Protein backbone atom coordinates (compact mmCIF):
# COMPACT_ATOMS: atom_id res chain seq x y z
CA MET A 1 56.69 39.88 -2.64
CA SER A 2 54.02 41.17 -0.28
CA ALA A 3 54.14 39.99 3.24
CA GLU A 4 50.54 39.06 3.31
CA PRO A 5 49.57 35.72 1.50
CA ALA A 6 46.87 36.12 -1.05
CA THR A 7 43.67 34.24 -0.51
CA ASP A 8 42.37 31.84 -3.22
CA LEU A 9 39.34 34.01 -3.80
CA ALA A 10 41.63 37.07 -4.31
CA LEU A 11 43.70 35.14 -6.84
CA TRP A 12 40.71 33.89 -8.79
CA LEU A 13 39.22 37.48 -8.80
CA ALA A 14 42.60 38.86 -10.10
CA LYS A 15 42.79 36.15 -12.88
CA LEU A 16 39.18 36.87 -13.81
CA VAL A 17 39.62 40.57 -13.99
CA GLY A 18 42.85 40.16 -15.92
CA ALA A 19 41.19 37.81 -18.36
CA ILE A 20 38.22 40.14 -18.93
CA ALA A 21 40.48 43.16 -19.38
CA GLY A 22 42.69 41.39 -21.97
CA SER A 23 39.63 40.04 -23.83
CA ALA A 24 38.01 43.60 -23.90
CA ILE A 25 41.30 45.09 -25.22
CA SER A 26 41.45 42.24 -27.91
CA VAL A 27 37.90 43.01 -29.05
CA ALA A 28 38.44 46.74 -29.14
CA TYR A 29 41.92 46.61 -30.78
CA LEU A 30 40.74 44.67 -33.82
CA LEU A 31 37.01 44.98 -34.30
CA PRO A 32 35.19 41.71 -34.96
CA ARG A 33 33.15 41.03 -38.08
CA GLY A 34 29.99 40.44 -36.15
CA PRO A 35 28.49 39.88 -32.74
CA ARG A 36 29.12 36.08 -33.05
CA GLU A 37 32.88 36.55 -33.61
CA ALA A 38 32.97 39.21 -30.74
CA ALA A 39 31.42 36.84 -28.33
CA THR A 40 33.66 33.96 -29.37
CA ARG A 41 36.78 36.09 -29.11
CA PHE A 42 35.64 37.45 -25.74
CA LEU A 43 34.90 33.98 -24.27
CA THR A 44 38.11 32.47 -25.76
CA GLY A 45 40.09 35.23 -24.13
CA ILE A 46 38.56 34.73 -20.73
CA VAL A 47 39.19 30.93 -20.74
CA SER A 48 42.58 31.34 -22.04
CA GLY A 49 43.42 33.95 -19.43
CA LEU A 50 42.11 31.84 -16.58
CA VAL A 51 43.87 28.71 -17.79
CA PHE A 52 47.20 30.04 -19.08
CA GLY A 53 47.52 33.25 -16.96
CA PRO A 54 49.61 31.86 -14.12
CA PRO A 55 52.32 30.33 -16.26
CA VAL A 56 52.46 33.31 -18.62
CA ALA A 57 52.84 35.55 -15.45
CA LEU A 58 55.77 33.47 -14.19
CA ILE A 59 57.52 33.50 -17.47
CA LEU A 60 57.10 37.22 -18.00
CA ALA A 61 58.14 38.09 -14.41
CA GLU A 62 61.17 35.86 -14.54
CA ARG A 63 62.37 37.17 -18.03
CA MET A 64 61.74 40.84 -16.97
CA ARG A 65 63.35 40.09 -13.53
CA ILE A 66 60.48 41.63 -11.64
CA ASP A 67 59.26 38.39 -9.89
CA ASP A 68 60.52 39.59 -6.48
CA SER A 69 58.82 42.97 -6.71
CA LEU A 70 55.27 41.93 -7.51
CA SER A 71 52.66 40.26 -5.28
CA ALA A 72 50.87 36.98 -6.31
CA ILE A 73 47.72 38.99 -7.07
CA GLU A 74 49.68 41.39 -9.33
CA LEU A 75 51.24 38.53 -11.19
CA ALA A 76 47.88 36.64 -11.62
CA LEU A 77 46.30 39.91 -13.04
CA ILE A 78 49.25 40.58 -15.48
CA GLY A 79 49.54 36.93 -16.64
CA SER A 80 45.75 36.62 -17.19
CA ALA A 81 45.54 39.80 -19.15
CA VAL A 82 48.46 38.95 -21.37
CA ALA A 83 47.34 35.34 -22.01
CA SER A 84 43.87 36.64 -22.77
CA LEU A 85 45.01 39.40 -25.14
CA CYS A 86 47.36 36.91 -27.08
CA ALA A 87 44.93 34.04 -27.27
CA TRP A 88 43.00 35.22 -30.27
CA TRP A 89 46.15 36.27 -32.08
CA GLY A 90 47.67 32.76 -31.40
CA LEU A 91 44.57 30.93 -32.61
CA GLY A 92 44.66 33.18 -35.83
CA VAL A 93 48.22 32.07 -36.58
CA LEU A 94 47.27 28.43 -36.02
CA GLN A 95 44.22 28.89 -38.30
CA ARG A 96 46.30 30.33 -41.02
CA PHE A 97 48.94 27.60 -40.71
CA ALA A 98 46.24 24.86 -40.90
CA GLU A 99 44.67 26.42 -43.80
CA SER A 100 48.05 26.54 -45.69
CA LEU A 101 48.53 22.81 -45.01
CA PHE A 102 45.19 21.93 -46.57
CA ARG A 103 44.98 24.50 -49.39
CA ALA A 104 45.14 23.02 -52.81
CA ARG A 105 48.22 24.03 -54.74
CA PRO A 106 47.99 25.24 -58.36
CA GLY A 107 48.59 22.33 -60.73
CA SER A 108 48.18 19.64 -58.05
CA GLY A 109 44.77 18.55 -59.34
CA GLY A 110 42.87 19.92 -56.44
CA GLY A 111 39.33 21.37 -57.01
CA ASP A 112 38.75 25.12 -57.46
CA LYS A 113 37.92 26.85 -54.22
């Protein structure tokens, strides 16, 4: 860890930059169907990166055994980027799971969709 303590503003900026970077990569990696989906994915990524970035950073750093070699700012940046990048993929998995729960099965008497 760095000898200098990180300021709150520096940590927030690192989380914001990581979240924006992860969202941008997410949008570029799998092109959205339209501007509305792009905006939704981008904003979802930013919020997810800001909220879930710190716990993701701690988990990753611990599992990779690099928690002693990175500063708090680097951890915030990495965690926010990873959480932001994975948010849309995680929501997609949840959506498909929910759709499979409520999809009418053939022969069950459900209406045609």
